Structures are given as C-alpha cells and as structure tokens.
C-alpha cells in the first residue's frame, strides 16, 4: 500500500519579490554579460532559468546534508558520474517493521 506524504512536505511556490528578481537578473547577466532580450523573454527565460538554477543548487546541498546525516545513501551503478539517492538502509529496515 502506498504511503501518503504528510501535508507539510508540500510547500507552495514562493512568490518572488523585487529583490529576488533583481538578484536573478544580475546572476543571469553575470554568466552572460552580452545578453540582451525583450521584457517577455527576460520574464520567461532569464528569471525562470536562474530560479531553477538556484533551486538545483539548494537541492544538491540538501542531498549532501541528508546523506551526511545518514538519512539518505548514495548509490552508483557503474558510472560514477551518475548517482542515485535513496532512503538509508537503516531507515528502510525500520520502516518495514512498522
């Protein structure tokens, strides 16, 4: 039987404020100093691209932290550059007992 995730795990998307948007625009331009675009494309590509980039970096940090705390384990299958994460063996064993 599939488990239902607690409601607390579903975080609504945070609305970006002007300071967030400014940071994202400047970060995009730091990577691409010659970039130029219309308002519409800046909204669609620059902001979204930078926002996703920061979310990916945050996710990497979270996975490292959870692995270091023993909650997750890294699993690689042959290709060392391609790593998967799963619940640690200890936690998987304890969840089977309940």
C-alpha atoms as a PDB file:
ATOM      1  CA  UNK A   1       0.000   0.000   0.000  1.00  0.00           C
ATOM      2  CA  UNK A   2       1.389   3.413  -0.976  1.00  0.00           C
ATOM      3  CA  UNK A   3       2.089   5.872   1.801  1.00  0.00           C
ATOM      4  CA  UNK A   4       0.612   9.329   1.721  1.00  0.00           C
ATOM      5  CA  UNK A   5       3.158  12.086   2.268  1.00  0.00           C
ATOM      6  CA  UNK A   6       2.436  14.481   5.131  1.00  0.00           C
ATOM      7  CA  UNK A   7       0.876  17.763   4.046  1.00  0.00           C
ATOM      8  CA  UNK A   8       3.899  19.612   5.440  1.00  0.00           C
ATOM      9  CA  UNK A   9       6.011  18.216   2.603  1.00  0.00           C
ATOM     10  CA  UNK A  10       4.004  20.108   0.001  1.00  0.00           C
ATOM     11  CA  UNK A  11       5.406  23.609   0.040  1.00  0.00           C
ATOM     12  CA  UNK A  12       3.551  26.161  -2.061  1.00  0.00           C
ATOM     13  CA  UNK A  13       5.705  28.031  -4.551  1.00  0.00           C
ATOM     14  CA  UNK A  14       7.032  31.223  -3.028  1.00  0.00           C
ATOM     15  CA  UNK A  15       6.305  34.428  -4.892  1.00  0.00           C
ATOM     16  CA  UNK A  16       9.490  36.263  -5.801  1.00  0.00           C
ATOM     17  CA  UNK A  17       9.821  39.786  -4.518  1.00  0.00           C
ATOM     18  CA  UNK A  18      11.665  42.581  -6.338  1.00  0.00           C
ATOM     19  CA  UNK A  19      14.932  41.861  -4.508  1.00  0.00           C
ATOM     20  CA  UNK A  20      14.752  38.200  -5.631  1.00  0.00           C
ATOM     21  CA  UNK A  21      14.087  39.244  -9.222  1.00  0.00           C
ATOM     22  CA  UNK A  22      16.939  41.754  -9.159  1.00  0.00           C
ATOM     23  CA  UNK A  23      19.304  39.051  -7.871  1.00  0.00           C
ATOM     24  CA  UNK A  24      18.173  36.635 -10.588  1.00  0.00           C
ATOM     25  CA  UNK A  25      18.573  39.174 -13.408  1.00  0.00           C
ATOM     26  CA  UNK A  26      22.056  40.133 -12.242  1.00  0.00           C
ATOM     27  CA  UNK A  27      23.076  36.486 -11.809  1.00  0.00           C
ATOM     28  CA  UNK A  28      21.920  35.733 -15.351  1.00  0.00           C
ATOM     29  CA  UNK A  29      23.923  38.678 -16.687  1.00  0.00           C
ATOM     30  CA  UNK A  30      26.986  37.705 -14.653  1.00  0.00           C
ATOM     31  CA  UNK A  31      27.004  34.395 -16.548  1.00  0.00           C
ATOM     32  CA  UNK A  32      26.135  36.056 -19.888  1.00  0.00           C
ATOM     33  CA  UNK A  33      27.443  39.639 -19.897  1.00  0.00           C
ATOM     34  CA  UNK A  34      26.467  40.211 -23.537  1.00  0.00           C
ATOM     35  CA  UNK A  35      22.887  39.005 -23.125  1.00  0.00           C
ATOM     36  CA  UNK A  36      20.048  41.196 -24.357  1.00  0.00           C
ATOM     37  CA  UNK A  37      16.352  40.379 -24.557  1.00  0.00           C
ATOM     38  CA  UNK A  38      12.798  41.701 -24.512  1.00  0.00           C
ATOM     39  CA  UNK A  39      10.763  42.110 -21.344  1.00  0.00           C
ATOM     40  CA  UNK A  40       8.757  38.975 -22.205  1.00  0.00           C
ATOM     41  CA  UNK A  41      11.825  36.807 -22.791  1.00  0.00           C
ATOM     42  CA  UNK A  42      13.551  38.109 -19.685  1.00  0.00           C
ATOM     43  CA  UNK A  43      10.480  37.105 -17.681  1.00  0.00           C
ATOM     44  CA  UNK A  44      10.243  33.695 -19.349  1.00  0.00           C
ATOM     45  CA  UNK A  45      13.896  32.705 -19.756  1.00  0.00           C
ATOM     46  CA  UNK A  46      16.166  34.728 -17.551  1.00  0.00           C
ATOM     47  CA  UNK A  47      14.121  34.649 -14.384  1.00  0.00           C
ATOM     48  CA  UNK A  48      12.910  31.072 -14.724  1.00  0.00           C
ATOM     49  CA  UNK A  49      16.349  29.784 -15.737  1.00  0.00           C
ATOM     50  CA  UNK A  50      18.104  31.447 -12.814  1.00  0.00           C
ATOM     51  CA  UNK A  51      15.380  30.423 -10.354  1.00  0.00           C
ATOM     52  CA  UNK A  52      15.700  26.781 -11.404  1.00  0.00           C
ATOM     53  CA  UNK A  53      19.485  27.038 -11.197  1.00  0.00           C
ATOM     54  CA  UNK A  54      19.313  28.201  -7.579  1.00  0.00           C
ATOM     55  CA  UNK A  55      16.754  25.512  -6.721  1.00  0.00           C
ATOM     56  CA  UNK A  56      19.073  22.864  -8.187  1.00  0.00           C
ATOM     57  CA  UNK A  57      21.982  24.162  -6.109  1.00  0.00           C
ATOM     58  CA  UNK A  58      19.787  24.106  -2.992  1.00  0.00           C
ATOM     59  CA  UNK A  59      18.683  20.545  -3.792  1.00  0.00           C
ATOM     60  CA  UNK A  60      22.321  19.441  -4.140  1.00  0.00           C
ATOM     61  CA  UNK A  61      23.099  20.922  -0.717  1.00  0.00           C
ATOM     62  CA  UNK A  62      20.070  19.220   0.844  1.00  0.00           C
ATOM     63  CA  UNK A  63      21.018  15.819  -0.622  1.00  0.00           C
ATOM     64  CA  UNK A  64      24.570  16.148   0.693  1.00  0.00           C
ATOM     65  CA  UNK A  65      23.295  17.170   4.143  1.00  0.00           C
ATOM     66  CA  UNK A  66      20.746  14.313   4.314  1.00  0.00           C
ATOM     67  CA  UNK A  67      23.422  11.844   3.215  1.00  0.00           C
ATOM     68  CA  UNK A  68      25.866  13.134   5.835  1.00  0.00           C
ATOM     69  CA  UNK A  69      23.148  12.784   8.495  1.00  0.00           C
ATOM     70  CA  UNK A  70      22.606   9.151   7.482  1.00  0.00           C
ATOM     71  CA  UNK A  71      19.049   9.660   6.234  1.00  0.00           C
ATOM     72  CA  UNK A  72      19.907   9.040   2.579  1.00  0.00           C
ATOM     73  CA  UNK A  73      22.511   6.941   0.869  1.00  0.00           C
ATOM     74  CA  UNK A  74      24.199   7.468  -2.480  1.00  0.00           C
ATOM     75  CA  UNK A  75      24.061   4.586  -4.930  1.00  0.00           C
ATOM     76  CA  UNK A  76      26.027   4.433  -8.168  1.00  0.00           C
ATOM     77  CA  UNK A  77      25.693   1.766 -10.810  1.00  0.00           C
ATOM     78  CA  UNK A  78      28.916   1.581 -12.809  1.00  0.00           C
ATOM     79  CA  UNK A  79      29.027   5.182 -13.976  1.00  0.00           C
ATOM     80  CA  UNK A  80      30.465   7.171 -11.051  1.00  0.00           C
ATOM     81  CA  UNK A  81      29.118  10.427 -12.508  1.00  0.00           C
ATOM     82  CA  UNK A  82      25.547   9.171 -12.303  1.00  0.00           C
ATOM     83  CA  UNK A  83      24.456   8.841  -8.674  1.00  0.00           C
ATOM     84  CA  UNK A  84      21.038   7.960  -7.275  1.00  0.00           C
ATOM     85  CA  UNK A  85      19.807   8.633  -3.760  1.00  0.00           C
ATOM     86  CA  UNK A  86      17.530   6.542  -1.587  1.00  0.00           C
ATOM     87  CA  UNK A  87      16.427   6.205   1.985  1.00  0.00           C
ATOM     88  CA  UNK A  88      19.281   4.781   4.051  1.00  0.00           C
ATOM     89  CA  UNK A  89      19.373   1.036   4.613  1.00  0.00           C
ATOM     90  CA  UNK A  90      18.796   1.545   8.345  1.00  0.00           C
ATOM     91  CA  UNK A  91      15.684   3.641   7.800  1.00  0.00           C
ATOM     92  CA  UNK A  92      14.332   1.278   5.134  1.00  0.00           C
ATOM     93  CA  UNK A  93      14.705  -1.643   7.554  1.00  0.00           C
ATOM     94  CA  UNK A  94      12.982   0.219  10.373  1.00  0.00           C
ATOM     95  CA  UNK A  95      10.100   1.289   8.096  1.00  0.00           C
ATOM     96  CA  UNK A  96       9.447  -2.352   7.167  1.00  0.00           C
ATOM     97  CA  UNK A  97       8.959  -3.248  10.825  1.00  0.00           C
ATOM     98  CA  UNK A  98       6.113  -0.782  11.266  1.00  0.00           C
END
